[in-house]
Amino acid sequence: MARQTRSQRRARREAQQASSAGAPPRARRPVGGGGQEPGGDRTPAPAPTPREQERRGGPINFIRESWAELKKVEWPGQAQLVQGVAVVLIACVIVGSYLFAADQVFKRFVENVLLGQ
């Protein structure tokens, strides 16, 4: 699902508020200060009830959402797993060999040229 733009979210929120309260949607404030003090006309939000806090977060909700996301994952089959492990092991051997060879070259260079022993 594509992300909604800010104006689309505002329009959806206004439509939800209008349908639930039966009141006309409120007028949008202009973007930018317009010479007004920022946040001057805002009223503090009421404290969330325990039920709302439970819906927003908490360890149980986190575990539930994590489990739901793990169910959506397309897990690799055995063939893909073996192939992935082989690629990683081969890459480790190649990089390790390169680093070992570079270490031996620079070790001799440092000992013989820079330290002069």
PDB file of N, CA and C in Angstrom:
ATOM      1  N   MET A   1       0.844  -1.165   0.000  1.00  0.00           N
ATOM      2  CA  MET A   1       0.000   0.000   0.000  1.00  0.00           C
ATOM      3  C   MET A   1       0.892   1.232   0.000  1.00  0.00           C
ATOM      4  N   ALA A   2       0.594   2.181  -0.873  1.00  0.00           N
ATOM      5  CA  ALA A   2       1.386   3.395  -0.974  1.00  0.00           C
ATOM      6  C   ALA A   2       1.119   4.308   0.214  1.00  0.00           C
ATOM      7  N   ARG A   3       2.122   5.090   0.572  1.00  0.00           N
ATOM      8  CA  ARG A   3       1.967   6.010   1.682  1.00  0.00           C
ATOM      9  C   ARG A   3       1.048   7.145   1.285  1.00  0.00           C
ATOM     10  N   GLN A   4       0.265   7.602   2.240  1.00  0.00           N
ATOM     11  CA  GLN A   4      -0.647   8.707   1.983  1.00  0.00           C
ATOM     12  C   GLN A   4       0.083  10.027   2.171  1.00  0.00           C
ATOM     13  N   THR A   5      -0.347  11.022   1.418  1.00  0.00           N
ATOM     14  CA  THR A   5       0.216  12.345   1.608  1.00  0.00           C
ATOM     15  C   THR A   5      -0.431  12.982   2.826  1.00  0.00           C
ATOM     16  N   ARG A   6       0.175  14.049   3.292  1.00  0.00           N
ATOM     17  CA  ARG A   6      -0.340  14.736   4.466  1.00  0.00           C
ATOM     18  C   ARG A   6      -1.754  15.243   4.229  1.00  0.00           C
ATOM     19  N   SER A   7      -2.008  15.779   3.045  1.00  0.00           N
ATOM     20  CA  SER A   7      -3.356  16.299   2.760  1.00  0.00           C
ATOM     21  C   SER A   7      -4.377  15.164   2.714  1.00  0.00           C
ATOM     22  N   GLN A   8      -3.993  14.004   2.211  1.00  0.00           N
ATOM     23  CA  GLN A   8      -4.914  12.867   2.198  1.00  0.00           C
ATOM     24  C   GLN A   8      -5.234  12.408   3.613  1.00  0.00           C
ATOM     25  N   ARG A   9      -4.219  12.375   4.498  1.00  0.00           N
ATOM     26  CA  ARG A   9      -4.465  11.988   5.889  1.00  0.00           C
ATOM     27  C   ARG A   9      -5.372  12.988   6.582  1.00  0.00           C
ATOM     28  N   ARG A  10      -5.135  14.285   6.334  1.00  0.00           N
ATOM     29  CA  ARG A  10      -5.989  15.304   6.944  1.00  0.00           C
ATOM     30  C   ARG A  10      -7.430  15.170   6.483  1.00  0.00           C
ATOM     31  N   ALA A  11      -7.615  14.958   5.177  1.00  0.00           N
ATOM     32  CA  ALA A  11      -8.971  14.822   4.643  1.00  0.00           C
ATOM     33  C   ALA A  11      -9.660  13.596   5.240  1.00  0.00           C
ATOM     34  N   ARG A  12      -8.923  12.507   5.389  1.00  0.00           N
ATOM     35  CA  ARG A  12      -9.516  11.299   5.968  1.00  0.00           C
ATOM     36  C   ARG A  12      -9.889  11.534   7.423  1.00  0.00           C
ATOM     37  N   ARG A  13      -8.997  12.196   8.171  1.00  0.00           N
ATOM     38  CA  ARG A  13      -9.293  12.493   9.574  1.00  0.00           C
ATOM     39  C   ARG A  13     -10.514  13.391   9.717  1.00  0.00           C
ATOM     40  N   GLU A  14     -10.583  14.418   8.866  1.00  0.00           N
ATOM     41  CA  GLU A  14     -11.723  15.328   8.927  1.00  0.00           C
ATOM     42  C   GLU A  14     -13.024  14.605   8.598  1.00  0.00           C
ATOM     43  N   ALA A  15     -12.957  13.693   7.623  1.00  0.00           N
ATOM     44  CA  ALA A  15     -14.158  12.928   7.266  1.00  0.00           C
ATOM     45  C   ALA A  15     -14.579  12.019   8.413  1.00  0.00           C
ATOM     46  N   GLN A  16     -13.613  11.417   9.094  1.00  0.00           N
ATOM     47  CA  GLN A  16     -13.939  10.559  10.236  1.00  0.00           C
ATOM     48  C   GLN A  16     -14.538  11.372  11.370  1.00  0.00           C
ATOM     49  N   GLN A  17     -13.978  12.540  11.636  1.00  0.00           N
ATOM     50  CA  GLN A  17     -14.498  13.375  12.705  1.00  0.00           C
ATOM     51  C   GLN A  17     -15.894  13.867  12.369  1.00  0.00           C
ATOM     52  N   ALA A  18     -16.126  14.221  11.117  1.00  0.00           N
ATOM     53  CA  ALA A  18     -17.436  14.723  10.717  1.00  0.00           C
ATOM     54  C   ALA A  18     -18.486  13.618  10.814  1.00  0.00           C
ATOM     55  N   SER A  19     -18.117  12.407  10.441  1.00  0.00           N
ATOM     56  CA  SER A  19     -19.102  11.322  10.488  1.00  0.00           C
ATOM     57  C   SER A  19     -19.377  10.881  11.920  1.00  0.00           C
ATOM     58  N   SER A  20     -18.372  10.960  12.792  1.00  0.00           N
ATOM     59  CA  SER A  20     -18.591  10.518  14.172  1.00  0.00           C
ATOM     60  C   SER A  20     -19.270  11.588  15.018  1.00  0.00           C
ATOM     61  N   ALA A  21     -18.996  12.851  14.762  1.00  0.00           N
ATOM     62  CA  ALA A  21     -19.561  13.917  15.589  1.00  0.00           C
ATOM     63  C   ALA A  21     -20.764  14.579  14.938  1.00  0.00           C
ATOM     64  N   GLY A  22     -20.965  14.398  13.658  1.00  0.00           N
ATOM     65  CA  GLY A  22     -22.084  15.028  12.972  1.00  0.00           C
ATOM     66  C   GLY A  22     -21.847  16.515  12.753  1.00  0.00           C
ATOM     67  N   ALA A  23     -20.628  16.978  12.965  1.00  0.00           N
ATOM     68  CA  ALA A  23     -20.306  18.386  12.796  1.00  0.00           C
ATOM     69  C   ALA A  23     -19.569  18.572  11.475  1.00  0.00           C
ATOM     70  N   PRO A  24     -19.613  19.783  10.923  1.00  0.00           N
ATOM     71  CA  PRO A  24     -18.878  20.018   9.677  1.00  0.00           C
ATOM     72  C   PRO A  24     -17.382  19.950   9.935  1.00  0.00           C
ATOM     73  N   PRO A  25     -16.601  19.573   8.936  1.00  0.00           N
ATOM     74  CA  PRO A  25     -15.155  19.488   9.152  1.00  0.00           C
ATOM     75  C   PRO A  25     -14.594  20.863   9.462  1.00  0.00           C
ATOM     76  N   ARG A  26     -13.612  20.892  10.340  1.00  0.00           N
ATOM     77  CA  ARG A  26     -13.050  22.166  10.745  1.00  0.00           C
ATOM     78  C   ARG A  26     -12.151  22.726   9.655  1.00  0.00           C
ATOM     79  N   ALA A  27     -12.003  24.039   9.657  1.00  0.00           N
ATOM     80  CA  ALA A  27     -11.195  24.716   8.647  1.00  0.00           C
ATOM     81  C   ALA A  27      -9.723  24.441   8.909  1.00  0.00           C
ATOM     82  N   ARG A  28      -8.976  24.314   7.841  1.00  0.00           N
ATOM     83  CA  ARG A  28      -7.547  24.068   7.972  1.00  0.00           C
ATOM     84  C   ARG A  28      -6.827  25.358   8.295  1.00  0.00           C
ATOM     85  N   ARG A  29      -5.828  25.253   9.156  1.00  0.00           N
ATOM     86  CA  ARG A  29      -5.004  26.409   9.479  1.00  0.00           C
ATOM     87  C   ARG A  29      -3.963  26.575   8.401  1.00  0.00           C
ATOM     88  N   PRO A  30      -3.565  27.810   8.107  1.00  0.00           N
ATOM     89  CA  PRO A  30      -2.530  28.004   7.093  1.00  0.00           C
ATOM     90  C   PRO A  30      -1.196  27.453   7.584  1.00  0.00           C
ATOM     91  N   VAL A  31      -0.442  26.918   6.653  1.00  0.00           N
ATOM     92  CA  VAL A  31       0.872  26.395   6.984  1.00  0.00           C
ATOM     93  C   VAL A  31       1.822  27.573   7.100  1.00  0.00           C
ATOM     94  N   GLY A  32       2.705  27.520   8.073  1.00  0.00           N
ATOM     95  CA  GLY A  32       3.608  28.645   8.319  1.00  0.00           C
ATOM     96  C   GLY A  32       3.002  29.529   9.393  1.00  0.00           C
ATOM     97  N   GLY A  33       3.827  30.262  10.081  1.00  0.00           N
ATOM     98  CA  GLY A  33       3.368  31.036  11.229  1.00  0.00           C
ATOM     99  C   GLY A  33       2.395  32.136  10.884  1.00  0.00           C
ATOM    100  N   GLY A  34       2.613  32.860   9.805  1.00  0.00           N
ATOM    101  CA  GLY A  34       1.737  33.956   9.460  1.00  0.00           C
ATOM    102  C   GLY A  34       1.759  35.049  10.513  1.00  0.00           C
ATOM    103  N   GLY A  35       2.829  35.165  11.271  1.00  0.00           N
ATOM    104  CA  GLY A  35       2.930  36.193  12.287  1.00  0.00           C
ATOM    105  C   GLY A  35       2.302  35.802  13.603  1.00  0.00           C
ATOM    106  N   GLN A  36       1.727  34.620  13.689  1.00  0.00           N
ATOM    107  CA  GLN A  36       1.109  34.189  14.939  1.00  0.00           C
ATOM    108  C   GLN A  36       2.122  33.428  15.766  1.00  0.00           C
ATOM    109  N   GLU A  37       1.866  33.387  17.034  1.00  0.00           N
ATOM    110  CA  GLU A  37       2.728  32.630  17.928  1.00  0.00           C
ATOM    111  C   GLU A  37       2.492  31.144  17.685  1.00  0.00           C
ATOM    112  N   PRO A  38       3.536  30.332  17.477  1.00  0.00           N
ATOM    113  CA  PRO A  38       3.316  28.915  17.190  1.00  0.00           C
ATOM    114  C   PRO A  38       2.661  28.211  18.370  1.00  0.00           C
ATOM    115  N   GLY A  39       1.625  27.459  18.060  1.00  0.00           N
ATOM    116  CA  GLY A  39       0.947  26.673  19.080  1.00  0.00           C
ATOM    117  C   GLY A  39       0.129  27.508  20.046  1.00  0.00           C
ATOM    118  N   GLY A  40      -0.193  28.738  19.695  1.00  0.00           N
ATOM    119  CA  GLY A  40      -0.892  29.608  20.608  1.00  0.00           C
ATOM    120  C   GLY A  40      -2.345  29.239  20.833  1.00  0.00           C
ATOM    121  N   ASP A  41      -3.001  28.647  19.831  1.00  0.00           N
ATOM    122  CA  ASP A  41      -4.424  28.341  19.970  1.00  0.00           C
ATOM    123  C   ASP A  41      -4.685  26.872  20.282  1.00  0.00           C
ATOM    124  N   ARG A  42      -3.670  26.148  20.624  1.00  0.00           N
ATOM    125  CA  ARG A  42      -3.841  24.721  20.906  1.00  0.00           C
ATOM    126  C   ARG A  42      -4.237  24.507  22.357  1.00  0.00           C
ATOM    127  N   THR A  43      -5.130  23.573  22.556  1.00  0.00           N
ATOM    128  CA  THR A  43      -5.493  23.184  23.911  1.00  0.00           C
ATOM    129  C   THR A  43      -4.778  21.886  24.226  1.00  0.00           C
ATOM    130  N   PRO A  44      -4.398  21.664  25.472  1.00  0.00           N
ATOM    131  CA  PRO A  44      -3.675  20.430  25.796  1.00  0.00           C
ATOM    132  C   PRO A  44      -4.560  19.208  25.565  1.00  0.00           C
ATOM    133  N   ALA A  45      -3.954  18.163  25.069  1.00  0.00           N
ATOM    134  CA  ALA A  45      -4.684  16.921  24.809  1.00  0.00           C
ATOM    135  C   ALA A  45      -4.998  16.233  26.138  1.00  0.00           C
ATOM    136  N   PRO A  46      -6.166  15.610  26.242  1.00  0.00           N
ATOM    137  CA  PRO A  46      -6.484  14.901  27.485  1.00  0.00           C
ATOM    138  C   PRO A  46      -5.576  13.686  27.651  1.00  0.00           C
ATOM    139  N   ALA A  47      -5.349  13.318  28.888  1.00  0.00           N
ATOM    140  CA  ALA A  47      -4.499  12.165  29.176  1.00  0.00           C
ATOM    141  C   ALA A  47      -5.169  10.900  28.653  1.00  0.00           C
ATOM    142  N   PRO A  48      -4.410  10.005  28.021  1.00  0.00           N
ATOM    143  CA  PRO A  48      -5.012   8.783  27.494  1.00  0.00           C
ATOM    144  C   PRO A  48      -5.478   7.861  28.625  1.00  0.00           C
ATOM    145  N   THR A  49      -6.570   7.200  28.366  1.00  0.00           N
ATOM    146  CA  THR A  49      -7.096   6.252  29.345  1.00  0.00           C
ATOM    147  C   THR A  49      -6.246   4.985  29.303  1.00  0.00           C
ATOM    148  N   PRO A  50      -6.327   4.143  30.330  1.00  0.00           N
ATOM    149  CA  PRO A  50      -5.536   2.899  30.305  1.00  0.00           C
ATOM    150  C   PRO A  50      -5.861   2.032  29.094  1.00  0.00           C
ATOM    151  N   ARG A  51      -7.111   2.064  28.657  1.00  0.00           N
ATOM    152  CA  ARG A  51      -7.503   1.264  27.488  1.00  0.00           C
ATOM    153  C   ARG A  51      -6.805   1.790  26.230  1.00  0.00           C
ATOM    154  N   GLU A  52      -6.724   3.117  26.095  1.00  0.00           N
ATOM    155  CA  GLU A  52      -6.045   3.696  24.937  1.00  0.00           C
ATOM    156  C   GLU A  52      -4.553   3.401  24.986  1.00  0.00           C
ATOM    157  N   GLN A  53      -3.972   3.443  26.179  1.00  0.00           N
ATOM    158  CA  GLN A  53      -2.556   3.126  26.306  1.00  0.00           C
ATOM    159  C   GLN A  53      -2.290   1.681  25.907  1.00  0.00           C
ATOM    160  N   GLU A  54      -3.202   0.795  26.259  1.00  0.00           N
ATOM    161  CA  GLU A  54      -3.038  -0.615  25.908  1.00  0.00           C
ATOM    162  C   GLU A  54      -3.084  -0.793  24.402  1.00  0.00           C
ATOM    163  N   ARG A  55      -3.968  -0.029  23.721  1.00  0.00           N
ATOM    164  CA  ARG A  55      -4.071  -0.135  22.275  1.00  0.00           C
ATOM    165  C   ARG A  55      -2.825   0.410  21.592  1.00  0.00           C
ATOM    166  N   ARG A  56      -2.218   1.448  22.155  1.00  0.00           N
ATOM    167  CA  ARG A  56      -1.065   2.077  21.537  1.00  0.00           C
ATOM    168  C   ARG A  56       0.194   1.244  21.654  1.00  0.00           C
ATOM    169  N   GLY A  57       0.397   0.617  22.770  1.00  0.00           N
ATOM    170  CA  GLY A  57       1.665  -0.076  22.935  1.00  0.00           C
ATOM    171  C   GLY A  57       1.610  -1.057  24.076  1.00  0.00           C
ATOM    172  N   GLY A  58       2.746  -1.301  24.621  1.00  0.00           N
ATOM    173  CA  GLY A  58       2.851  -2.264  25.701  1.00  0.00           C
ATOM    174  C   GLY A  58       3.519  -3.518  25.205  1.00  0.00           C
ATOM    175  N   PRO A  59       4.075  -4.278  26.122  1.00  0.00           N
ATOM    176  CA  PRO A  59       4.823  -5.468  25.708  1.00  0.00           C
ATOM    177  C   PRO A  59       3.958  -6.538  25.050  1.00  0.00           C
ATOM    178  N   ILE A  60       2.731  -6.702  25.512  1.00  0.00           N
ATOM    179  CA  ILE A  60       1.861  -7.737  24.923  1.00  0.00           C
ATOM    180  C   ILE A  60       1.528  -7.372  23.484  1.00  0.00           C
ATOM    181  N   ASN A  61       1.190  -6.099  23.265  1.00  0.00           N
ATOM    182  CA  ASN A  61       0.866  -5.658  21.914  1.00  0.00           C
ATOM    183  C   ASN A  61       2.090  -5.753  21.007  1.00  0.00           C
ATOM    184  N   PHE A  62       3.262  -5.435  21.530  1.00  0.00           N
ATOM    185  CA  PHE A  62       4.489  -5.541  20.745  1.00  0.00           C
ATOM    186  C   PHE A  62       4.717  -6.979  20.297  1.00  0.00           C
ATOM    187  N   ILE A  63       4.561  -7.916  21.205  1.00  0.00           N
ATOM    188  CA  ILE A  63       4.763  -9.330  20.875  1.00  0.00           C
ATOM    189  C   ILE A  63       3.733  -9.786  19.848  1.00  0.00           C
ATOM    190  N   ARG A  64       2.495  -9.364  20.039  1.00  0.00           N
ATOM    191  CA  ARG A  64       1.425  -9.746  19.111  1.00  0.00           C
ATOM    192  C   ARG A  64       1.713  -9.212  17.702  1.00  0.00           C
ATOM    193  N   GLU A  65       2.125  -7.944  17.606  1.00  0.00           N
ATOM    194  CA  GLU A  65       2.425  -7.368  16.299  1.00  0.00           C
ATOM    195  C   GLU A  65       3.674  -7.990  15.686  1.00  0.00           C
ATOM    196  N   SER A  66       4.668  -8.295  16.511  1.00  0.00           N
ATOM    197  CA  SER A  66       5.879  -8.935  16.005  1.00  0.00           C
ATOM    198  C   SER A  66       5.563 -10.316  15.439  1.00  0.00           C
ATOM    199  N   TRP A  67       4.726 -11.064  16.150  1.00  0.00           N
ATOM    200  CA  TRP A  67       4.343 -12.399  15.677  1.00  0.00           C
ATOM    201  C   TRP A  67       3.585 -12.301  14.351  1.00  0.00           C
ATOM    202  N   ALA A  68       2.708 -11.305  14.242  1.00  0.00           N
ATOM    203  CA  ALA A  68       1.958 -11.120  12.997  1.00  0.00           C
ATOM    204  C   ALA A  68       2.900 -10.784  11.848  1.00  0.00           C
ATOM    205  N   GLU A  69       3.932  -9.967  12.101  1.00  0.00           N
ATOM    206  CA  GLU A  69       4.890  -9.634  11.050  1.00  0.00           C
ATOM    207  C   GLU A  69       5.725 -10.852  10.661  1.00  0.00           C
ATOM    208  N   LEU A  70       6.091 -11.681  11.642  1.00  0.00           N
ATOM    209  CA  LEU A  70       6.877 -12.872  11.332  1.00  0.00           C
ATOM    210  C   LEU A  70       6.086 -13.868  10.494  1.00  0.00           C
ATOM    211  N   LYS A  71       4.774 -13.869  10.642  1.00  0.00           N
ATOM    212  CA  LYS A  71       3.942 -14.757   9.817  1.00  0.00           C
ATOM    213  C   LYS A  71       3.948 -14.310   8.357  1.00  0.00           C
ATOM    214  N   LYS A  72       4.194 -13.017   8.103  1.00  0.00           N
ATOM    215  CA  LYS A  72       4.195 -12.495   6.740  1.00  0.00           C
ATOM    216  C   LYS A  72       5.508 -12.770   6.013  1.00  0.00           C
ATOM    217  N   VAL A  73       6.553 -13.120   6.749  1.00  0.00           N
ATOM    218  CA  VAL A  73       7.881 -13.306   6.152  1.00  0.00           C
ATOM    219  C   VAL A  73       7.877 -14.533   5.252  1.00  0.00           C
ATOM    220  N   GLU A  74       8.524 -14.389   4.100  1.00  0.00           N
ATOM    221  CA  GLU A  74       8.688 -15.536   3.206  1.00  0.00           C
ATOM    222  C   GLU A  74      10.019 -16.185   3.557  1.00  0.00           C
ATOM    223  N   TRP A  75       9.967 -17.251   4.333  1.00  0.00           N
ATOM    224  CA  TRP A  75      11.166 -17.899   4.831  1.00  0.00           C
ATOM    225  C   TRP A  75      11.821 -18.707   3.718  1.00  0.00           C
ATOM    226  N   PRO A  76      13.168 -18.777   3.686  1.00  0.00           N
ATOM    227  CA  PRO A  76      13.843 -19.525   2.621  1.00  0.00           C
ATOM    228  C   PRO A  76      13.688 -21.029   2.822  1.00  0.00           C
ATOM    229  N   GLY A  77      13.707 -21.728   1.709  1.00  0.00           N
ATOM    230  CA  GLY A  77      13.668 -23.186   1.755  1.00  0.00           C
ATOM    231  C   GLY A  77      15.061 -23.730   2.040  1.00  0.00           C
ATOM    232  N   GLN A  78      15.171 -25.060   2.126  1.00  0.00           N
ATOM    233  CA  GLN A  78      16.457 -25.665   2.448  1.00  0.00           C
ATOM    234  C   GLN A  78      17.491 -25.387   1.361  1.00  0.00           C
ATOM    235  N   ALA A  79      17.084 -25.448   0.092  1.00  0.00           N
ATOM    236  CA  ALA A  79      18.026 -25.214  -1.003  1.00  0.00           C
ATOM    237  C   ALA A  79      18.567 -23.785  -0.954  1.00  0.00           C
ATOM    238  N   GLN A  80      17.693 -22.814  -0.711  1.00  0.00           N
ATOM    239  CA  GLN A  80      18.137 -21.423  -0.618  1.00  0.00           C
ATOM    240  C   GLN A  80      19.067 -21.226   0.573  1.00  0.00           C
ATOM    241  N   LEU A  81      18.766 -21.896   1.658  1.00  0.00           N
ATOM    242  CA  LEU A  81      19.585 -21.767   2.862  1.00  0.00           C
ATOM    243  C   LEU A  81      20.983 -22.323   2.632  1.00  0.00           C
ATOM    244  N   VAL A  82      21.065 -23.492   2.016  1.00  0.00           N
ATOM    245  CA  VAL A  82      22.368 -24.109   1.737  1.00  0.00           C
ATOM    246  C   VAL A  82      23.162 -23.227   0.776  1.00  0.00           C
ATOM    247  N   GLN A  83      22.502 -22.709  -0.239  1.00  0.00           N
ATOM    248  CA  GLN A  83      23.175 -21.840  -1.203  1.00  0.00           C
ATOM    249  C   GLN A  83      23.682 -20.569  -0.524  1.00  0.00           C
ATOM    250  N   GLY A  84      22.885 -19.970   0.335  1.00  0.00           N
ATOM    251  CA  GLY A  84      23.303 -18.763   1.043  1.00  0.00           C
ATOM    252  C   GLY A  84      24.486 -19.006   1.956  1.00  0.00           C
ATOM    253  N   VAL A  85      24.472 -20.133   2.670  1.00  0.00           N
ATOM    254  CA  VAL A  85      25.593 -20.475   3.554  1.00  0.00           C
ATOM    255  C   VAL A  85      26.861 -20.694   2.733  1.00  0.00           C
ATOM    256  N   ALA A  86      26.744 -21.370   1.597  1.00  0.00           N
ATOM    257  CA  ALA A  86      27.911 -21.619   0.749  1.00  0.00           C
ATOM    258  C   ALA A  86      28.502 -20.306   0.235  1.00  0.00           C
ATOM    259  N   VAL A  87      27.644 -19.382  -0.181  1.00  0.00           N
ATOM    260  CA  VAL A  87      28.127 -18.085  -0.678  1.00  0.00           C
ATOM    261  C   VAL A  87      28.869 -17.341   0.421  1.00  0.00           C
ATOM    262  N   VAL A  88      28.321 -17.340   1.625  1.00  0.00           N
ATOM    263  CA  VAL A  88      28.965 -16.636   2.740  1.00  0.00           C
ATOM    264  C   VAL A  88      30.299 -17.276   3.091  1.00  0.00           C
ATOM    265  N   LEU A  89      30.368 -18.599   3.137  1.00  0.00           N
ATOM    266  CA  LEU A  89      31.629 -19.265   3.474  1.00  0.00           C
ATOM    267  C   LEU A  89      32.694 -19.014   2.415  1.00  0.00           C
ATOM    268  N   ILE A  90      32.322 -19.063   1.164  1.00  0.00           N
ATOM    269  CA  ILE A  90      33.285 -18.804   0.085  1.00  0.00           C
ATOM    270  C   ILE A  90      33.782 -17.363   0.158  1.00  0.00           C
ATOM    271  N   ALA A  91      32.870 -16.420   0.407  1.00  0.00           N
ATOM    272  CA  ALA A  91      33.273 -15.018   0.521  1.00  0.00           C
ATOM    273  C   ALA A  91      34.220 -14.828   1.703  1.00  0.00           C
ATOM    274  N   CYS A  92      33.961 -15.505   2.811  1.00  0.00           N
ATOM    275  CA  CYS A  92      34.843 -15.402   3.985  1.00  0.00           C
ATOM    276  C   CYS A  92      36.227 -15.949   3.684  1.00  0.00           C
ATOM    277  N   VAL A  93      36.318 -17.054   2.961  1.00  0.00           N
ATOM    278  CA  VAL A  93      37.621 -17.638   2.608  1.00  0.00           C
ATOM    279  C   VAL A  93      38.388 -16.694   1.688  1.00  0.00           C
ATOM    280  N   ILE A  94      37.702 -16.111   0.710  1.00  0.00           N
ATOM    281  CA  ILE A  94      38.372 -15.202  -0.229  1.00  0.00           C
ATOM    282  C   ILE A  94      38.879 -13.956   0.498  1.00  0.00           C
ATOM    283  N   VAL A  95      38.033 -13.337   1.296  1.00  0.00           N
ATOM    284  CA  VAL A  95      38.439 -12.122   2.011  1.00  0.00           C
ATOM    285  C   VAL A  95      39.518 -12.445   3.038  1.00  0.00           C
ATOM    286  N   GLY A  96      39.383 -13.558   3.733  1.00  0.00           N
ATOM    287  CA  GLY A  96      40.404 -13.949   4.701  1.00  0.00           C
ATOM    288  C   GLY A  96      41.752 -14.187   4.052  1.00  0.00           C
ATOM    289  N   SER A  97      41.758 -14.847   2.885  1.00  0.00           N
ATOM    290  CA  SER A  97      43.021 -15.087   2.160  1.00  0.00           C
ATOM    291  C   SER A  97      43.655 -13.773   1.735  1.00  0.00           C
ATOM    292  N   TYR A  98      42.829 -12.848   1.233  1.00  0.00           N
ATOM    293  CA  TYR A  98      43.352 -11.543   0.815  1.00  0.00           C
ATOM    294  C   TYR A  98      43.950 -10.796   2.004  1.00  0.00           C
ATOM    295  N   LEU A  99      43.256 -10.793   3.116  1.00  0.00           N
ATOM    296  CA  LEU A  99      43.763 -10.086   4.295  1.00  0.00           C
ATOM    297  C   LEU A  99      45.045 -10.729   4.829  1.00  0.00           C
ATOM    298  N   PHE A 100      45.120 -12.071   4.802  1.00  0.00           N
ATOM    299  CA  PHE A 100      46.328 -12.761   5.243  1.00  0.00           C
ATOM    300  C   PHE A 100      47.514 -12.385   4.353  1.00  0.00           C
ATOM    301  N   ALA A 101      47.289 -12.402   3.017  1.00  0.00           N
ATOM    302  CA  ALA A 101      48.373 -12.068   2.089  1.00  0.00           C
ATOM    303  C   ALA A 101      48.793 -10.610   2.270  1.00  0.00           C
ATOM    304  N   ALA A 102      47.842  -9.708   2.410  1.00  0.00           N
ATOM    305  CA  ALA A 102      48.170  -8.293   2.603  1.00  0.00           C
ATOM    306  C   ALA A 102      48.924  -8.101   3.909  1.00  0.00           C
ATOM    307  N   ASP A 103      48.539  -8.827   4.938  1.00  0.00           N
ATOM    308  CA  ASP A 103      49.222  -8.724   6.226  1.00  0.00           C
ATOM    309  C   ASP A 103      50.668  -9.188   6.113  1.00  0.00           C
ATOM    310  N   GLN A 104      50.899 -10.278   5.405  1.00  0.00           N
ATOM    311  CA  GLN A 104      52.270 -10.778   5.245  1.00  0.00           C
ATOM    312  C   GLN A 104      53.132  -9.792   4.462  1.00  0.00           C
ATOM    313  N   VAL A 105      52.563  -9.191   3.400  1.00  0.00           N
ATOM    314  CA  VAL A 105      53.312  -8.236   2.592  1.00  0.00           C
ATOM    315  C   VAL A 105      53.646  -7.009   3.424  1.00  0.00           C
ATOM    316  N   PHE A 106      52.666  -6.455   4.101  1.00  0.00           N
ATOM    317  CA  PHE A 106      52.904  -5.236   4.885  1.00  0.00           C
ATOM    318  C   PHE A 106      53.776  -5.517   6.100  1.00  0.00           C
ATOM    319  N   LYS A 107      53.717  -6.730   6.627  1.00  0.00           N
ATOM    320  CA  LYS A 107      54.575  -7.084   7.766  1.00  0.00           C
ATOM    321  C   LYS A 107      56.043  -7.026   7.344  1.00  0.00           C
ATOM    322  N   ARG A 108      56.354  -7.624   6.215  1.00  0.00           N
ATOM    323  CA  ARG A 108      57.735  -7.607   5.713  1.00  0.00           C
ATOM    324  C   ARG A 108      58.150  -6.190   5.344  1.00  0.00           C
ATOM    325  N   PHE A 109      57.228  -5.433   4.736  1.00  0.00           N
ATOM    326  CA  PHE A 109      57.532  -4.050   4.357  1.00  0.00           C
ATOM    327  C   PHE A 109      57.856  -3.210   5.593  1.00  0.00           C
ATOM    328  N   VAL A 110      57.061  -3.344   6.640  1.00  0.00           N
ATOM    329  CA  VAL A 110      57.283  -2.554   7.847  1.00  0.00           C
ATOM    330  C   VAL A 110      58.580  -2.972   8.529  1.00  0.00           C
ATOM    331  N   GLU A 111      58.807  -4.290   8.638  1.00  0.00           N
ATOM    332  CA  GLU A 111      60.016  -4.768   9.329  1.00  0.00           C
ATOM    333  C   GLU A 111      61.290  -4.397   8.579  1.00  0.00           C
ATOM    334  N   ASN A 112      61.295  -4.582   7.266  1.00  0.00           N
ATOM    335  CA  ASN A 112      62.526  -4.412   6.511  1.00  0.00           C
ATOM    336  C   ASN A 112      62.763  -2.965   6.034  1.00  0.00           C
ATOM    337  N   VAL A 113      61.718  -2.276   5.661  1.00  0.00           N
ATOM    338  CA  VAL A 113      61.905  -0.943   5.079  1.00  0.00           C
ATOM    339  C   VAL A 113      61.749   0.136   6.149  1.00  0.00           C
ATOM    340  N   LEU A 114      60.667   0.132   6.847  1.00  0.00           N
ATOM    341  CA  LEU A 114      60.390   1.221   7.783  1.00  0.00           C
ATOM    342  C   LEU A 114      61.209   1.105   9.074  1.00  0.00           C
ATOM    343  N   LEU A 115      61.348  -0.096   9.593  1.00  0.00           N
ATOM    344  CA  LEU A 115      62.106  -0.262  10.830  1.00  0.00           C
ATOM    345  C   LEU A 115      63.587  -0.505  10.571  1.00  0.00           C
ATOM    346  N   GLY A 116      63.926  -0.976   9.375  1.00  0.00           N
ATOM    347  CA  GLY A 116      65.311  -1.171   8.977  1.00  0.00           C
ATOM    348  C   GLY A 116      66.061  -2.223   9.762  1.00  0.00           C
ATOM    349  N   GLN A 117      65.439  -3.297  10.081  1.00  0.00           N
ATOM    350  CA  GLN A 117      66.107  -4.339  10.862  1.00  0.00           C
ATOM    351  C   GLN A 117      66.643  -5.409   9.960  1.00  0.00           C
TER     352      GLN A 117
END
